[in-house]
């Protein structure tokens, strides 16, 4: 289970920090960092909203787009044996390597989201 919290259309990942005995939230997909801490879910929502509003205000003042722009490209390093198997299977199924990887990632995301 992935612990997430959505505030005003922005997602944050939530983790517990046992050293300080608090939950930490960190927004993802931003052009900068915005995190927040609290001891309970209501506090997380409240502190997350404050942190996000402050981040968005700073972006507006600086003329920066708050959301990160994704190109849809990234490099993946896999073992040579895995690469070889992937090439064989993709050729046998008539799919490109890109489509095989995209399909596998989308299938995995459906199972965790």
Foldseek 3Di string as FASTA:
>chain_A
DFDWDDDPNWIWGWDADVVVQWIKTWTPQFPDTFMFIDNDDVRRRVRSVVRVVVQVVVCVVVVHDTGHDDPPDDDDDDDPVVVVVLVVVCVVVVHDSVVVVVVVVVVVVVVPD
